[in-house]
């Protein structure tokens, strides 16, 4: 059993299934609804735990009642929490998500971590005790910089969840061993995948992958380019698929090489898209 630290965003997700998102000044009645803890690092931690590991989430929760809902959900999935701002009284971010029934596409509105940043002093230097792998989602830049330096000093490898570019990430890139990026990840002056690969390679990252939904994953590993087909499914809900991919990757990369870990993680992520919400796939995994 391995232990992973997942540092970044913790939200409460209100997830609705509907025929389509509402237009301007329009109301829509949903056909289903579910509530779960969310955020890239959070969903990745749940996936990592569900695959038989110890997952530790480092994020901002505080004392607000909504934080208790997040804690309760994560306790159900055996995710340990390190609260980076335990005395904070403001609400954690709440995300509202509408999943379109026919396509599984999702529309999301959230404040993310813009109002809940912590500084590097929030990091206990013992946070990496017994940790085998670290995932950073870029939502807590100062804390991530501190963790990255600590991890390097302890030879603990780092995975970057590159969902979108965030100022300050350039300070973290030299510490990253595996960068898993979405098609929407655009570092400064980068407009296409070739430029993204070049930028991240120049920063010293040896293993880079760009996920593109149902299209093949593009990767660059130790100077060699390639592409990897992903399982083709009829999507019910794509919400959190990238996060689940990252959590699964953290599990498999501790057992497999880069390409095999990508393939195994893609299989888990694709499977998750066949279920509404970000948790139902776990029940199927255990059946």
C-alpha atoms as a PDB file:
ATOM      1  CA  UNK A   1       0.000   0.000   0.000  1.00  0.00           C
ATOM      2  CA  UNK A   2       1.383   3.377  -1.048  1.00  0.00           C
ATOM      3  CA  UNK A   3       0.708   6.847   0.322  1.00  0.00           C
ATOM      4  CA  UNK A   4       0.047   9.886  -1.867  1.00  0.00           C
ATOM      5  CA  UNK A   5      -0.224  13.555  -0.951  1.00  0.00           C
ATOM      6  CA  UNK A   6      -2.647  15.545  -3.099  1.00  0.00           C
ATOM      7  CA  UNK A   7      -2.241  19.296  -2.652  1.00  0.00           C
ATOM      8  CA  UNK A   8      -4.693  21.817  -4.034  1.00  0.00           C
ATOM      9  CA  UNK A   9      -8.336  22.651  -4.372  1.00  0.00           C
ATOM     10  CA  UNK A  10     -11.161  21.355  -2.167  1.00  0.00           C
ATOM     11  CA  UNK A  11     -14.694  22.384  -3.094  1.00  0.00           C
ATOM     12  CA  UNK A  12     -18.248  21.263  -2.558  1.00  0.00           C
ATOM     13  CA  UNK A  13     -19.719  20.248  -5.915  1.00  0.00           C
ATOM     14  CA  UNK A  14     -23.442  20.559  -6.623  1.00  0.00           C
ATOM     15  CA  UNK A  15     -23.908  18.395  -9.711  1.00  0.00           C
ATOM     16  CA  UNK A  16     -27.087  18.445 -11.805  1.00  0.00           C
ATOM     17  CA  UNK A  17     -28.100  16.236 -14.732  1.00  0.00           C
ATOM     18  CA  UNK A  18     -30.255  18.102 -17.249  1.00  0.00           C
ATOM     19  CA  UNK A  19     -31.296  18.174 -20.879  1.00  0.00           C
ATOM     20  CA  UNK A  20     -29.180  21.275 -21.413  1.00  0.00           C
ATOM     21  CA  UNK A  21     -27.674  24.148 -19.426  1.00  0.00           C
ATOM     22  CA  UNK A  22     -30.012  27.108 -18.886  1.00  0.00           C
ATOM     23  CA  UNK A  23     -29.854  30.047 -21.247  1.00  0.00           C
ATOM     24  CA  UNK A  24     -29.869  33.647 -20.108  1.00  0.00           C
ATOM     25  CA  UNK A  25     -32.778  34.408 -17.751  1.00  0.00           C
ATOM     26  CA  UNK A  26     -33.974  30.786 -18.005  1.00  0.00           C
ATOM     27  CA  UNK A  27     -34.730  28.103 -15.419  1.00  0.00           C
ATOM     28  CA  UNK A  28     -34.109  24.404 -16.033  1.00  0.00           C
ATOM     29  CA  UNK A  29     -35.438  21.461 -14.019  1.00  0.00           C
ATOM     30  CA  UNK A  30     -32.780  18.792 -13.479  1.00  0.00           C
ATOM     31  CA  UNK A  31     -33.533  15.080 -13.798  1.00  0.00           C
ATOM     32  CA  UNK A  32     -30.980  14.123 -11.149  1.00  0.00           C
ATOM     33  CA  UNK A  33     -28.647  15.737  -8.626  1.00  0.00           C
ATOM     34  CA  UNK A  34     -25.741  14.687  -6.434  1.00  0.00           C
ATOM     35  CA  UNK A  35     -23.429  16.457  -4.003  1.00  0.00           C
ATOM     36  CA  UNK A  36     -19.779  15.552  -3.422  1.00  0.00           C
ATOM     37  CA  UNK A  37     -16.454  17.032  -2.457  1.00  0.00           C
ATOM     38  CA  UNK A  38     -14.659  18.230  -5.584  1.00  0.00           C
ATOM     39  CA  UNK A  39     -11.633  19.930  -7.021  1.00  0.00           C
ATOM     40  CA  UNK A  40      -8.788  18.394  -9.033  1.00  0.00           C
ATOM     41  CA  UNK A  41      -6.602  17.302  -6.109  1.00  0.00           C
ATOM     42  CA  UNK A  42      -9.642  16.139  -4.139  1.00  0.00           C
ATOM     43  CA  UNK A  43     -11.097  13.902  -6.852  1.00  0.00           C
ATOM     44  CA  UNK A  44      -7.624  12.533  -7.600  1.00  0.00           C
ATOM     45  CA  UNK A  45      -7.185  11.675  -3.922  1.00  0.00           C
ATOM     46  CA  UNK A  46     -10.521   9.812  -3.894  1.00  0.00           C
ATOM     47  CA  UNK A  47      -9.466   7.812  -6.975  1.00  0.00           C
ATOM     48  CA  UNK A  48      -6.059   6.989  -5.486  1.00  0.00           C
ATOM     49  CA  UNK A  49      -7.690   5.813  -2.253  1.00  0.00           C
ATOM     50  CA  UNK A  50     -10.311   3.779  -4.099  1.00  0.00           C
ATOM     51  CA  UNK A  51      -7.560   1.875  -5.900  1.00  0.00           C
ATOM     52  CA  UNK A  52      -6.250   0.598  -2.576  1.00  0.00           C
ATOM     53  CA  UNK A  53      -3.860   3.294  -1.389  1.00  0.00           C
ATOM     54  CA  UNK A  54      -3.598   5.830   1.408  1.00  0.00           C
ATOM     55  CA  UNK A  55      -4.621   9.278   0.127  1.00  0.00           C
ATOM     56  CA  UNK A  56      -3.887  12.495   2.001  1.00  0.00           C
ATOM     57  CA  UNK A  57      -5.492  15.737   0.806  1.00  0.00           C
ATOM     58  CA  UNK A  58      -3.804  19.032   1.605  1.00  0.00           C
ATOM     59  CA  UNK A  59      -6.267  21.861   1.101  1.00  0.00           C
ATOM     60  CA  UNK A  60      -8.150  24.744   2.686  1.00  0.00           C
ATOM     61  CA  UNK A  61     -11.312  23.733   4.550  1.00  0.00           C
ATOM     62  CA  UNK A  62     -11.697  25.643   7.821  1.00  0.00           C
ATOM     63  CA  UNK A  63     -14.621  25.711  10.237  1.00  0.00           C
ATOM     64  CA  UNK A  64     -17.566  26.681   7.993  1.00  0.00           C
ATOM     65  CA  UNK A  65     -20.532  24.277   7.856  1.00  0.00           C
ATOM     66  CA  UNK A  66     -19.823  23.538   4.184  1.00  0.00           C
ATOM     67  CA  UNK A  67     -16.363  22.302   5.157  1.00  0.00           C
ATOM     68  CA  UNK A  68     -18.067  19.679   7.313  1.00  0.00           C
ATOM     69  CA  UNK A  69     -19.924  18.360   4.256  1.00  0.00           C
ATOM     70  CA  UNK A  70     -16.608  18.055   2.411  1.00  0.00           C
ATOM     71  CA  UNK A  71     -15.054  16.238   5.367  1.00  0.00           C
ATOM     72  CA  UNK A  72     -17.981  13.819   5.622  1.00  0.00           C
ATOM     73  CA  UNK A  73     -17.788  12.877   1.941  1.00  0.00           C
ATOM     74  CA  UNK A  74     -14.028  12.357   2.035  1.00  0.00           C
ATOM     75  CA  UNK A  75     -14.253  10.285   5.212  1.00  0.00           C
ATOM     76  CA  UNK A  76     -16.544   7.897   3.340  1.00  0.00           C
ATOM     77  CA  UNK A  77     -13.740   7.328   0.829  1.00  0.00           C
ATOM     78  CA  UNK A  78     -10.979   7.103   3.440  1.00  0.00           C
ATOM     79  CA  UNK A  79      -9.214  10.288   2.351  1.00  0.00           C
ATOM     80  CA  UNK A  80      -7.202  11.849   5.148  1.00  0.00           C
ATOM     81  CA  UNK A  81      -7.245  15.645   5.331  1.00  0.00           C
ATOM     82  CA  UNK A  82      -4.521  18.107   6.222  1.00  0.00           C
ATOM     83  CA  UNK A  83      -6.291  21.447   6.599  1.00  0.00           C
ATOM     84  CA  UNK A  84      -3.973  24.248   5.516  1.00  0.00           C
ATOM     85  CA  UNK A  85      -6.167  26.884   7.193  1.00  0.00           C
ATOM     86  CA  UNK A  86      -7.942  25.151  10.107  1.00  0.00           C
ATOM     87  CA  UNK A  87      -9.093  28.424  11.691  1.00  0.00           C
ATOM     88  CA  UNK A  88     -10.636  29.874   8.521  1.00  0.00           C
ATOM     89  CA  UNK A  89     -14.329  30.756   9.005  1.00  0.00           C
ATOM     90  CA  UNK A  90     -15.216  31.596   5.384  1.00  0.00           C
ATOM     91  CA  UNK A  91     -16.943  29.030   3.212  1.00  0.00           C
ATOM     92  CA  UNK A  92     -14.835  26.759   1.026  1.00  0.00           C
ATOM     93  CA  UNK A  93     -15.523  27.238  -2.695  1.00  0.00           C
ATOM     94  CA  UNK A  94     -18.794  25.798  -3.988  1.00  0.00           C
ATOM     95  CA  UNK A  95     -19.004  24.653  -7.619  1.00  0.00           C
ATOM     96  CA  UNK A  96     -22.251  24.394  -9.537  1.00  0.00           C
ATOM     97  CA  UNK A  97     -22.129  21.912 -12.400  1.00  0.00           C
ATOM     98  CA  UNK A  98     -24.658  21.000 -15.074  1.00  0.00           C
ATOM     99  CA  UNK A  99     -24.121  17.771 -16.979  1.00  0.00           C
ATOM    100  CA  UNK A 100     -25.884  17.521 -20.352  1.00  0.00           C
ATOM    101  CA  UNK A 101     -27.771  14.225 -20.571  1.00  0.00           C
ATOM    102  CA  UNK A 102     -27.275  13.500 -24.259  1.00  0.00           C
ATOM    103  CA  UNK A 103     -23.508  14.092 -24.409  1.00  0.00           C
ATOM    104  CA  UNK A 104     -22.106  13.893 -20.875  1.00  0.00           C
ATOM    105  CA  UNK A 105     -20.517  17.323 -21.360  1.00  0.00           C
ATOM    106  CA  UNK A 106     -20.348  19.512 -18.281  1.00  0.00           C
ATOM    107  CA  UNK A 107     -20.668  23.230 -17.596  1.00  0.00           C
ATOM    108  CA  UNK A 108     -19.002  24.471 -14.413  1.00  0.00           C
ATOM    109  CA  UNK A 109     -19.012  27.722 -12.470  1.00  0.00           C
ATOM    110  CA  UNK A 110     -16.763  28.080  -9.425  1.00  0.00           C
ATOM    111  CA  UNK A 111     -14.623  30.602  -7.627  1.00  0.00           C
ATOM    112  CA  UNK A 112     -11.842  27.985  -7.232  1.00  0.00           C
ATOM    113  CA  UNK A 113      -9.117  28.899  -4.749  1.00  0.00           C
ATOM    114  CA  UNK A 114      -8.866  32.582  -5.700  1.00  0.00           C
ATOM    115  CA  UNK A 115     -10.037  33.696  -2.246  1.00  0.00           C
ATOM    116  CA  UNK A 116      -8.468  30.912  -0.193  1.00  0.00           C
ATOM    117  CA  UNK A 117      -4.744  31.058  -0.920  1.00  0.00           C
ATOM    118  CA  UNK A 118      -2.352  30.171   1.905  1.00  0.00           C
ATOM    119  CA  UNK A 119       1.325  31.015   2.171  1.00  0.00           C
ATOM    120  CA  UNK A 120       4.212  28.597   2.501  1.00  0.00           C
ATOM    121  CA  UNK A 121       4.126  28.927   6.294  1.00  0.00           C
ATOM    122  CA  UNK A 122       0.970  26.778   6.280  1.00  0.00           C
ATOM    123  CA  UNK A 123       3.079  23.749   5.393  1.00  0.00           C
ATOM    124  CA  UNK A 124       4.266  21.518   8.233  1.00  0.00           C
ATOM    125  CA  UNK A 125       7.703  20.243   7.269  1.00  0.00           C
ATOM    126  CA  UNK A 126       6.691  16.757   8.421  1.00  0.00           C
ATOM    127  CA  UNK A 127       3.847  16.647   5.898  1.00  0.00           C
ATOM    128  CA  UNK A 128       5.757  14.255   3.616  1.00  0.00           C
ATOM    129  CA  UNK A 129       6.470  11.600   6.223  1.00  0.00           C
ATOM    130  CA  UNK A 130       5.828   8.153   4.640  1.00  0.00           C
ATOM    131  CA  UNK A 131       4.605   9.734   1.365  1.00  0.00           C
ATOM    132  CA  UNK A 132       5.521   7.910  -1.878  1.00  0.00           C
ATOM    133  CA  UNK A 133       4.169  10.376  -4.448  1.00  0.00           C
ATOM    134  CA  UNK A 134       2.870  13.965  -4.565  1.00  0.00           C
ATOM    135  CA  UNK A 135       0.282  15.488  -6.901  1.00  0.00           C
ATOM    136  CA  UNK A 136       0.013  19.260  -7.257  1.00  0.00           C
ATOM    137  CA  UNK A 137      -3.013  20.760  -9.032  1.00  0.00           C
ATOM    138  CA  UNK A 138      -1.652  24.318  -9.108  1.00  0.00           C
ATOM    139  CA  UNK A 139      -4.441  25.890  -7.055  1.00  0.00           C
ATOM    140  CA  UNK A 140      -2.221  26.600  -4.029  1.00  0.00           C
ATOM    141  CA  UNK A 141       0.907  28.039  -5.602  1.00  0.00           C
ATOM    142  CA  UNK A 142       2.885  29.176  -2.537  1.00  0.00           C
ATOM    143  CA  UNK A 143       2.171  25.948  -0.654  1.00  0.00           C
ATOM    144  CA  UNK A 144       2.991  23.914  -3.768  1.00  0.00           C
ATOM    145  CA  UNK A 145       6.361  25.625  -4.135  1.00  0.00           C
ATOM    146  CA  UNK A 146       7.212  24.711  -0.544  1.00  0.00           C
ATOM    147  CA  UNK A 147       6.038  21.113  -0.997  1.00  0.00           C
ATOM    148  CA  UNK A 148       7.953  20.754  -4.271  1.00  0.00           C
ATOM    149  CA  UNK A 149      11.233  21.734  -2.643  1.00  0.00           C
ATOM    150  CA  UNK A 150      10.597  19.470   0.343  1.00  0.00           C
ATOM    151  CA  UNK A 151       9.700  16.543  -1.935  1.00  0.00           C
ATOM    152  CA  UNK A 152      12.857  16.972  -3.977  1.00  0.00           C
ATOM    153  CA  UNK A 153      14.976  16.932  -0.828  1.00  0.00           C
ATOM    154  CA  UNK A 154      13.359  13.606   0.093  1.00  0.00           C
ATOM    155  CA  UNK A 155      13.447  12.125  -3.440  1.00  0.00           C
ATOM    156  CA  UNK A 156       9.651  11.939  -3.591  1.00  0.00           C
ATOM    157  CA  UNK A 157       8.397  12.231  -7.203  1.00  0.00           C
ATOM    158  CA  UNK A 158       5.871  14.890  -8.189  1.00  0.00           C
ATOM    159  CA  UNK A 159       2.949  14.717 -10.615  1.00  0.00           C
ATOM    160  CA  UNK A 160       1.594  17.982 -12.012  1.00  0.00           C
ATOM    161  CA  UNK A 161      -2.095  18.192 -12.845  1.00  0.00           C
ATOM    162  CA  UNK A 162      -1.951  20.763 -15.642  1.00  0.00           C
ATOM    163  CA  UNK A 163      -5.622  21.579 -16.031  1.00  0.00           C
ATOM    164  CA  UNK A 164      -4.962  25.189 -16.937  1.00  0.00           C
ATOM    165  CA  UNK A 165      -1.950  27.490 -16.675  1.00  0.00           C
ATOM    166  CA  UNK A 166      -1.711  29.423 -13.404  1.00  0.00           C
ATOM    167  CA  UNK A 167       0.805  32.197 -12.686  1.00  0.00           C
ATOM    168  CA  UNK A 168       3.562  30.861 -10.452  1.00  0.00           C
ATOM    169  CA  UNK A 169       3.593  27.372 -11.962  1.00  0.00           C
ATOM    170  CA  UNK A 170       6.901  28.203 -13.645  1.00  0.00           C
ATOM    171  CA  UNK A 171       8.512  28.024 -10.171  1.00  0.00           C
ATOM    172  CA  UNK A 172       7.219  24.482  -9.670  1.00  0.00           C
ATOM    173  CA  UNK A 173       7.962  22.921 -13.077  1.00  0.00           C
ATOM    174  CA  UNK A 174      11.658  22.136 -12.419  1.00  0.00           C
ATOM    175  CA  UNK A 175      10.601  19.812  -9.587  1.00  0.00           C
ATOM    176  CA  UNK A 176       8.027  17.845 -11.644  1.00  0.00           C
ATOM    177  CA  UNK A 177       8.717  14.310 -12.898  1.00  0.00           C
ATOM    178  CA  UNK A 178       5.383  13.731 -14.672  1.00  0.00           C
ATOM    179  CA  UNK A 179       3.253  16.515 -16.163  1.00  0.00           C
ATOM    180  CA  UNK A 180      -0.277  15.479 -17.120  1.00  0.00           C
ATOM    181  CA  UNK A 181      -1.883  18.339 -19.022  1.00  0.00           C
ATOM    182  CA  UNK A 182      -5.247  18.997 -20.548  1.00  0.00           C
ATOM    183  CA  UNK A 183      -5.681  20.450 -24.017  1.00  0.00           C
ATOM    184  CA  UNK A 184      -6.498  23.736 -22.252  1.00  0.00           C
ATOM    185  CA  UNK A 185      -3.092  23.988 -20.559  1.00  0.00           C
ATOM    186  CA  UNK A 186      -1.305  26.867 -22.272  1.00  0.00           C
ATOM    187  CA  UNK A 187       1.899  28.195 -20.692  1.00  0.00           C
ATOM    188  CA  UNK A 188       3.000  31.701 -21.755  1.00  0.00           C
ATOM    189  CA  UNK A 189       3.288  32.055 -25.543  1.00  0.00           C
ATOM    190  CA  UNK A 190       2.100  28.463 -26.116  1.00  0.00           C
ATOM    191  CA  UNK A 191      -0.776  27.949 -28.544  1.00  0.00           C
ATOM    192  CA  UNK A 192      -0.489  24.264 -29.483  1.00  0.00           C
ATOM    193  CA  UNK A 193       0.716  20.935 -28.139  1.00  0.00           C
ATOM    194  CA  UNK A 194       4.129  21.166 -29.815  1.00  0.00           C
ATOM    195  CA  UNK A 195       4.828  24.423 -28.016  1.00  0.00           C
ATOM    196  CA  UNK A 196       3.573  23.011 -24.718  1.00  0.00           C
ATOM    197  CA  UNK A 197       5.875  19.997 -25.039  1.00  0.00           C
ATOM    198  CA  UNK A 198       8.794  22.293 -25.852  1.00  0.00           C
ATOM    199  CA  UNK A 199       8.056  24.646 -22.929  1.00  0.00           C
ATOM    200  CA  UNK A 200       7.741  21.856 -20.353  1.00  0.00           C
ATOM    201  CA  UNK A 201      10.773  19.994 -21.705  1.00  0.00           C
ATOM    202  CA  UNK A 202      12.840  23.174 -21.447  1.00  0.00           C
ATOM    203  CA  UNK A 203      11.761  23.396 -17.802  1.00  0.00           C
ATOM    204  CA  UNK A 204      13.322  19.981 -17.241  1.00  0.00           C
ATOM    205  CA  UNK A 205      10.247  17.735 -17.077  1.00  0.00           C
ATOM    206  CA  UNK A 206      11.171  14.294 -18.502  1.00  0.00           C
ATOM    207  CA  UNK A 207       7.650  12.854 -18.929  1.00  0.00           C
ATOM    208  CA  UNK A 208       4.759  14.865 -20.359  1.00  0.00           C
ATOM    209  CA  UNK A 209       1.284  13.845 -21.499  1.00  0.00           C
ATOM    210  CA  UNK A 210      -1.556  15.872 -22.992  1.00  0.00           C
ATOM    211  CA  UNK A 211      -5.049  14.429 -22.665  1.00  0.00           C
ATOM    212  CA  UNK A 212      -7.672  15.392 -25.245  1.00  0.00           C
ATOM    213  CA  UNK A 213     -10.937  13.807 -24.181  1.00  0.00           C
ATOM    214  CA  UNK A 214     -11.769  10.856 -26.415  1.00  0.00           C
ATOM    215  CA  UNK A 215      -8.868  11.645 -28.747  1.00  0.00           C
ATOM    216  CA  UNK A 216      -5.528   9.830 -28.280  1.00  0.00           C
ATOM    217  CA  UNK A 217      -3.240  10.986 -25.482  1.00  0.00           C
ATOM    218  CA  UNK A 218      -0.098  12.626 -26.805  1.00  0.00           C
ATOM    219  CA  UNK A 219       3.057  12.060 -24.800  1.00  0.00           C
ATOM    220  CA  UNK A 220       6.750  12.850 -24.681  1.00  0.00           C
ATOM    221  CA  UNK A 221       8.870  10.561 -22.547  1.00  0.00           C
ATOM    222  CA  UNK A 222      12.627  11.030 -22.274  1.00  0.00           C
ATOM    223  CA  UNK A 223      12.791  12.580 -25.725  1.00  0.00           C
ATOM    224  CA  UNK A 224      10.451  10.160 -27.525  1.00  0.00           C
ATOM    225  CA  UNK A 225       7.044  11.266 -28.809  1.00  0.00           C
ATOM    226  CA  UNK A 226       4.052   8.970 -29.070  1.00  0.00           C
ATOM    227  CA  UNK A 227       0.279   8.722 -28.882  1.00  0.00           C
ATOM    228  CA  UNK A 228      -1.978   6.393 -26.959  1.00  0.00           C
ATOM    229  CA  UNK A 229      -5.543   5.461 -27.862  1.00  0.00           C
ATOM    230  CA  UNK A 230      -8.111   5.785 -25.088  1.00  0.00           C
ATOM    231  CA  UNK A 231     -11.134   3.492 -24.616  1.00  0.00           C
ATOM    232  CA  UNK A 232     -14.145   4.714 -26.583  1.00  0.00           C
ATOM    233  CA  UNK A 233     -17.343   4.798 -24.517  1.00  0.00           C
ATOM    234  CA  UNK A 234     -20.775   6.383 -24.561  1.00  0.00           C
ATOM    235  CA  UNK A 235     -20.267   9.126 -21.978  1.00  0.00           C
ATOM    236  CA  UNK A 236     -22.927   9.762 -19.346  1.00  0.00           C
ATOM    237  CA  UNK A 237     -20.890  12.339 -17.425  1.00  0.00           C
ATOM    238  CA  UNK A 238     -17.363  13.612 -18.120  1.00  0.00           C
ATOM    239  CA  UNK A 239     -17.145  15.621 -14.888  1.00  0.00           C
ATOM    240  CA  UNK A 240     -13.970  14.803 -12.972  1.00  0.00           C
ATOM    241  CA  UNK A 241     -12.644  12.377 -15.587  1.00  0.00           C
ATOM    242  CA  UNK A 242      -9.322  14.192 -15.780  1.00  0.00           C
ATOM    243  CA  UNK A 243      -9.009  14.272 -11.987  1.00  0.00           C
ATOM    244  CA  UNK A 244      -9.786  10.559 -11.759  1.00  0.00           C
ATOM    245  CA  UNK A 245      -7.219   9.938 -14.513  1.00  0.00           C
ATOM    246  CA  UNK A 246      -4.588  11.745 -12.446  1.00  0.00           C
ATOM    247  CA  UNK A 247      -5.406   9.850  -9.261  1.00  0.00           C
ATOM    248  CA  UNK A 248      -5.316   6.534 -11.107  1.00  0.00           C
ATOM    249  CA  UNK A 249      -2.033   7.524 -12.763  1.00  0.00           C
ATOM    250  CA  UNK A 250      -0.506   8.134  -9.330  1.00  0.00           C
ATOM    251  CA  UNK A 251      -1.492   4.583  -8.428  1.00  0.00           C
ATOM    252  CA  UNK A 252      -0.163   2.923 -11.573  1.00  0.00           C
ATOM    253  CA  UNK A 253       3.053   4.930 -11.990  1.00  0.00           C
ATOM    254  CA  UNK A 254       4.271   3.418  -8.714  1.00  0.00           C
ATOM    255  CA  UNK A 255       3.942  -0.002 -10.371  1.00  0.00           C
ATOM    256  CA  UNK A 256       4.413   0.533 -14.116  1.00  0.00           C
ATOM    257  CA  UNK A 257       6.377   2.531 -16.682  1.00  0.00           C
ATOM    258  CA  UNK A 258       5.016   5.860 -17.951  1.00  0.00           C
ATOM    259  CA  UNK A 259       3.193   4.528 -21.025  1.00  0.00           C
ATOM    260  CA  UNK A 260       1.571   1.618 -19.202  1.00  0.00           C
ATOM    261  CA  UNK A 261       0.513   3.904 -16.349  1.00  0.00           C
ATOM    262  CA  UNK A 262      -1.111   6.303 -18.829  1.00  0.00           C
ATOM    263  CA  UNK A 263      -3.007   3.443 -20.472  1.00  0.00           C
ATOM    264  CA  UNK A 264      -4.224   1.970 -17.192  1.00  0.00           C
ATOM    265  CA  UNK A 265      -5.299   5.384 -15.898  1.00  0.00           C
ATOM    266  CA  UNK A 266      -7.135   6.140 -19.145  1.00  0.00           C
ATOM    267  CA  UNK A 267      -9.103   2.922 -18.746  1.00  0.00           C
ATOM    268  CA  UNK A 268     -10.236   3.954 -15.256  1.00  0.00           C
ATOM    269  CA  UNK A 269     -11.097   7.496 -16.350  1.00  0.00           C
ATOM    270  CA  UNK A 270     -13.080   6.305 -19.365  1.00  0.00           C
ATOM    271  CA  UNK A 271     -15.009   3.887 -17.178  1.00  0.00           C
ATOM    272  CA  UNK A 272     -15.876   6.703 -14.767  1.00  0.00           C
ATOM    273  CA  UNK A 273     -17.555   8.642 -17.579  1.00  0.00           C
ATOM    274  CA  UNK A 274     -20.239   5.972 -17.850  1.00  0.00           C
ATOM    275  CA  UNK A 275     -21.727   6.999 -14.501  1.00  0.00           C
ATOM    276  CA  UNK A 276     -23.394  10.196 -13.282  1.00  0.00           C
ATOM    277  CA  UNK A 277     -21.369  12.125 -10.723  1.00  0.00           C
ATOM    278  CA  UNK A 278     -17.811  11.613  -9.547  1.00  0.00           C
ATOM    279  CA  UNK A 279     -18.352   8.665  -7.175  1.00  0.00           C
ATOM    280  CA  UNK A 280     -20.627   6.047  -8.800  1.00  0.00           C
ATOM    281  CA  UNK A 281     -17.736   4.574 -10.830  1.00  0.00           C
ATOM    282  CA  UNK A 282     -16.139   3.398  -7.574  1.00  0.00           C
ATOM    283  CA  UNK A 283     -19.060   1.090  -6.828  1.00  0.00           C
ATOM    284  CA  UNK A 284     -18.619  -0.489 -10.263  1.00  0.00           C
ATOM    285  CA  UNK A 285     -14.880  -0.864  -9.602  1.00  0.00           C
ATOM    286  CA  UNK A 286     -15.603  -2.913  -6.488  1.00  0.00           C
ATOM    287  CA  UNK A 287     -18.223  -5.171  -8.090  1.00  0.00           C
END
